[in-house]
């Protein structure tokens, strides 16, 4: 799951659920957080690859 513009209430349960299942929920820099309005949810095997791919693209300005 990749979301560049979420509200904290959209992601609040995701970090706990994904980490308890062995996955990861972090921001686009790899920091485990639900704050910051950007999120990447993956299984453990895909986290590094997903972040590497996202790092190739500039973050666009929040449309809100």
N, C-alpha and C. Protein backbone atom coordinates (compact mmCIF):
# COMPACT_ATOMS: atom_id res chain seq x y z
N UNK A 1 0.84 -1.15 0.00
CA UNK A 1 0.00 0.00 0.00
C UNK A 1 0.89 1.22 0.00
N UNK A 2 0.60 2.15 -0.86
CA UNK A 2 1.32 3.41 -0.90
C UNK A 2 0.29 4.53 -0.91
N UNK A 3 0.44 5.46 0.01
CA UNK A 3 -0.47 6.60 0.07
C UNK A 3 0.35 7.86 0.32
N UNK A 4 0.40 8.77 -0.65
CA UNK A 4 1.20 9.97 -0.49
C UNK A 4 0.53 11.08 0.31
N UNK A 5 -0.80 11.00 0.56
CA UNK A 5 -1.52 12.10 1.21
C UNK A 5 -2.63 11.58 2.12
N UNK A 6 -2.30 10.96 3.22
CA UNK A 6 -3.36 10.48 4.10
C UNK A 6 -3.49 11.34 5.34
N UNK A 7 -4.63 11.23 5.99
CA UNK A 7 -4.84 11.85 7.29
C UNK A 7 -4.48 10.82 8.35
N UNK A 8 -4.07 11.28 9.52
CA UNK A 8 -3.60 10.37 10.57
C UNK A 8 -4.68 9.34 10.93
N UNK A 9 -5.95 9.72 10.91
CA UNK A 9 -7.01 8.78 11.26
C UNK A 9 -7.20 7.71 10.20
N UNK A 10 -6.75 7.96 8.98
CA UNK A 10 -6.80 6.94 7.94
C UNK A 10 -5.80 5.82 8.20
N UNK A 11 -4.67 6.17 8.83
CA UNK A 11 -3.57 5.22 9.00
C UNK A 11 -3.39 4.72 10.43
N UNK A 12 -4.14 5.27 11.37
CA UNK A 12 -3.91 4.96 12.78
C UNK A 12 -3.81 3.46 13.08
N UNK A 13 -4.68 2.60 12.58
CA UNK A 13 -4.56 1.19 12.92
C UNK A 13 -3.52 0.43 12.09
N UNK A 14 -3.10 0.99 10.98
CA UNK A 14 -2.27 0.23 10.03
C UNK A 14 -0.91 -0.16 10.57
N UNK A 15 -0.23 0.73 11.26
CA UNK A 15 1.10 0.40 11.75
C UNK A 15 1.05 -0.80 12.69
N UNK A 16 0.15 -0.78 13.65
CA UNK A 16 0.04 -1.89 14.60
C UNK A 16 -0.36 -3.19 13.91
N UNK A 17 -1.35 -3.14 13.06
CA UNK A 17 -1.83 -4.34 12.37
C UNK A 17 -0.73 -4.95 11.50
N UNK A 18 -0.10 -4.14 10.68
CA UNK A 18 0.93 -4.66 9.79
C UNK A 18 2.14 -5.19 10.56
N UNK A 19 2.59 -4.48 11.59
CA UNK A 19 3.75 -4.94 12.35
C UNK A 19 3.44 -6.24 13.10
N UNK A 20 2.23 -6.37 13.65
CA UNK A 20 1.85 -7.60 14.34
C UNK A 20 1.79 -8.79 13.37
N UNK A 21 1.52 -8.50 12.11
CA UNK A 21 1.46 -9.56 11.09
C UNK A 21 2.82 -9.82 10.44
N UNK A 22 3.86 -9.11 10.91
CA UNK A 22 5.20 -9.32 10.36
C UNK A 22 5.57 -8.37 9.25
N UNK A 23 4.73 -7.39 9.00
CA UNK A 23 4.99 -6.43 7.93
C UNK A 23 5.52 -5.12 8.46
N UNK A 24 5.33 -4.08 7.68
CA UNK A 24 5.88 -2.77 8.02
C UNK A 24 4.95 -1.68 7.54
N UNK A 25 4.82 -0.63 8.33
CA UNK A 25 4.14 0.60 7.90
C UNK A 25 5.06 1.74 8.28
N UNK A 26 5.47 2.53 7.29
CA UNK A 26 6.43 3.60 7.54
C UNK A 26 6.17 4.75 6.58
N UNK A 27 6.92 5.84 6.79
CA UNK A 27 6.84 6.93 5.83
C UNK A 27 7.77 6.62 4.66
N UNK A 28 7.86 7.51 3.70
CA UNK A 28 8.63 7.23 2.49
C UNK A 28 10.13 7.22 2.73
N UNK A 29 10.55 7.61 3.93
CA UNK A 29 11.97 7.56 4.28
C UNK A 29 12.31 6.33 5.12
N UNK A 30 11.29 5.49 5.41
CA UNK A 30 11.52 4.26 6.15
C UNK A 30 11.35 4.36 7.65
N UNK A 31 10.85 5.50 8.13
CA UNK A 31 10.63 5.69 9.57
C UNK A 31 9.25 5.14 9.93
N UNK A 32 9.19 4.25 10.91
CA UNK A 32 7.92 3.66 11.35
C UNK A 32 7.09 4.71 12.07
N UNK A 33 6.10 5.28 11.35
CA UNK A 33 5.25 6.32 11.92
C UNK A 33 3.96 6.42 11.13
N UNK A 34 2.91 6.91 11.81
CA UNK A 34 1.66 7.19 11.10
C UNK A 34 1.51 8.70 10.89
N UNK A 35 2.47 9.47 11.34
CA UNK A 35 2.43 10.92 11.18
C UNK A 35 3.21 11.32 9.92
N UNK A 36 2.86 12.43 9.35
CA UNK A 36 3.61 12.93 8.21
C UNK A 36 2.86 12.86 6.90
N UNK A 37 1.68 12.28 6.88
CA UNK A 37 0.79 12.27 5.72
C UNK A 37 1.27 11.45 4.53
N UNK A 38 2.24 10.58 4.73
CA UNK A 38 2.66 9.68 3.65
C UNK A 38 2.92 8.32 4.26
N UNK A 39 2.53 7.26 3.57
CA UNK A 39 2.72 5.95 4.15
C UNK A 39 2.99 4.87 3.13
N UNK A 40 3.75 3.87 3.59
CA UNK A 40 4.07 2.70 2.79
C UNK A 40 3.82 1.49 3.69
N UNK A 41 2.91 0.65 3.28
CA UNK A 41 2.63 -0.58 4.01
C UNK A 41 3.03 -1.77 3.16
N UNK A 42 3.91 -2.61 3.70
CA UNK A 42 4.40 -3.77 2.93
C UNK A 42 4.59 -4.96 3.86
N UNK A 43 4.85 -6.10 3.23
CA UNK A 43 5.35 -7.21 4.03
C UNK A 43 6.84 -6.98 4.22
N UNK A 44 7.44 -7.74 5.12
CA UNK A 44 8.85 -7.52 5.45
C UNK A 44 9.77 -7.69 4.24
N UNK A 45 9.44 -8.61 3.36
CA UNK A 45 10.30 -8.90 2.21
C UNK A 45 10.33 -7.76 1.18
N UNK A 46 9.28 -6.97 1.11
CA UNK A 46 9.19 -5.93 0.09
C UNK A 46 9.55 -4.53 0.56
N UNK A 47 9.71 -4.31 1.86
CA UNK A 47 9.91 -2.96 2.39
C UNK A 47 11.08 -2.25 1.73
N UNK A 48 12.26 -2.83 1.75
CA UNK A 48 13.44 -2.16 1.21
C UNK A 48 13.30 -1.87 -0.29
N UNK A 49 12.75 -2.82 -1.02
CA UNK A 49 12.57 -2.62 -2.46
C UNK A 49 11.56 -1.51 -2.75
N UNK A 50 10.47 -1.50 -2.00
CA UNK A 50 9.45 -0.46 -2.20
C UNK A 50 10.02 0.92 -1.90
N UNK A 51 10.77 1.05 -0.81
CA UNK A 51 11.35 2.34 -0.46
C UNK A 51 12.40 2.77 -1.48
N UNK A 52 13.15 1.84 -2.00
CA UNK A 52 14.16 2.17 -3.01
C UNK A 52 13.48 2.69 -4.28
N UNK A 53 12.42 2.06 -4.70
CA UNK A 53 11.68 2.49 -5.89
C UNK A 53 11.06 3.86 -5.65
N UNK A 54 10.43 4.06 -4.49
CA UNK A 54 9.83 5.36 -4.19
C UNK A 54 10.86 6.47 -4.14
N UNK A 55 12.07 6.15 -3.71
CA UNK A 55 13.13 7.14 -3.64
C UNK A 55 13.56 7.68 -4.99
N UNK A 56 13.19 7.02 -6.05
CA UNK A 56 13.53 7.48 -7.40
C UNK A 56 12.64 8.61 -7.87
N UNK A 57 11.51 8.82 -7.19
CA UNK A 57 10.53 9.81 -7.62
C UNK A 57 10.44 10.93 -6.60
N UNK A 58 10.42 12.17 -7.07
CA UNK A 58 10.28 13.28 -6.13
C UNK A 58 8.89 13.30 -5.50
N UNK A 59 8.83 13.69 -4.27
CA UNK A 59 7.54 13.83 -3.59
C UNK A 59 6.84 15.04 -4.14
N UNK A 60 5.59 14.89 -4.54
CA UNK A 60 4.84 16.01 -5.06
C UNK A 60 4.20 16.79 -3.92
N UNK A 61 3.83 18.00 -4.18
CA UNK A 61 3.22 18.84 -3.17
C UNK A 61 1.83 18.32 -2.83
N UNK A 62 1.51 18.32 -1.55
CA UNK A 62 0.19 17.89 -1.07
C UNK A 62 -0.88 18.74 -1.72
N UNK A 63 -1.87 18.13 -2.40
CA UNK A 63 -2.88 18.91 -3.11
C UNK A 63 -3.88 19.59 -2.20
N UNK A 64 -3.86 19.27 -0.90
CA UNK A 64 -4.85 19.89 0.00
C UNK A 64 -4.41 21.21 0.48
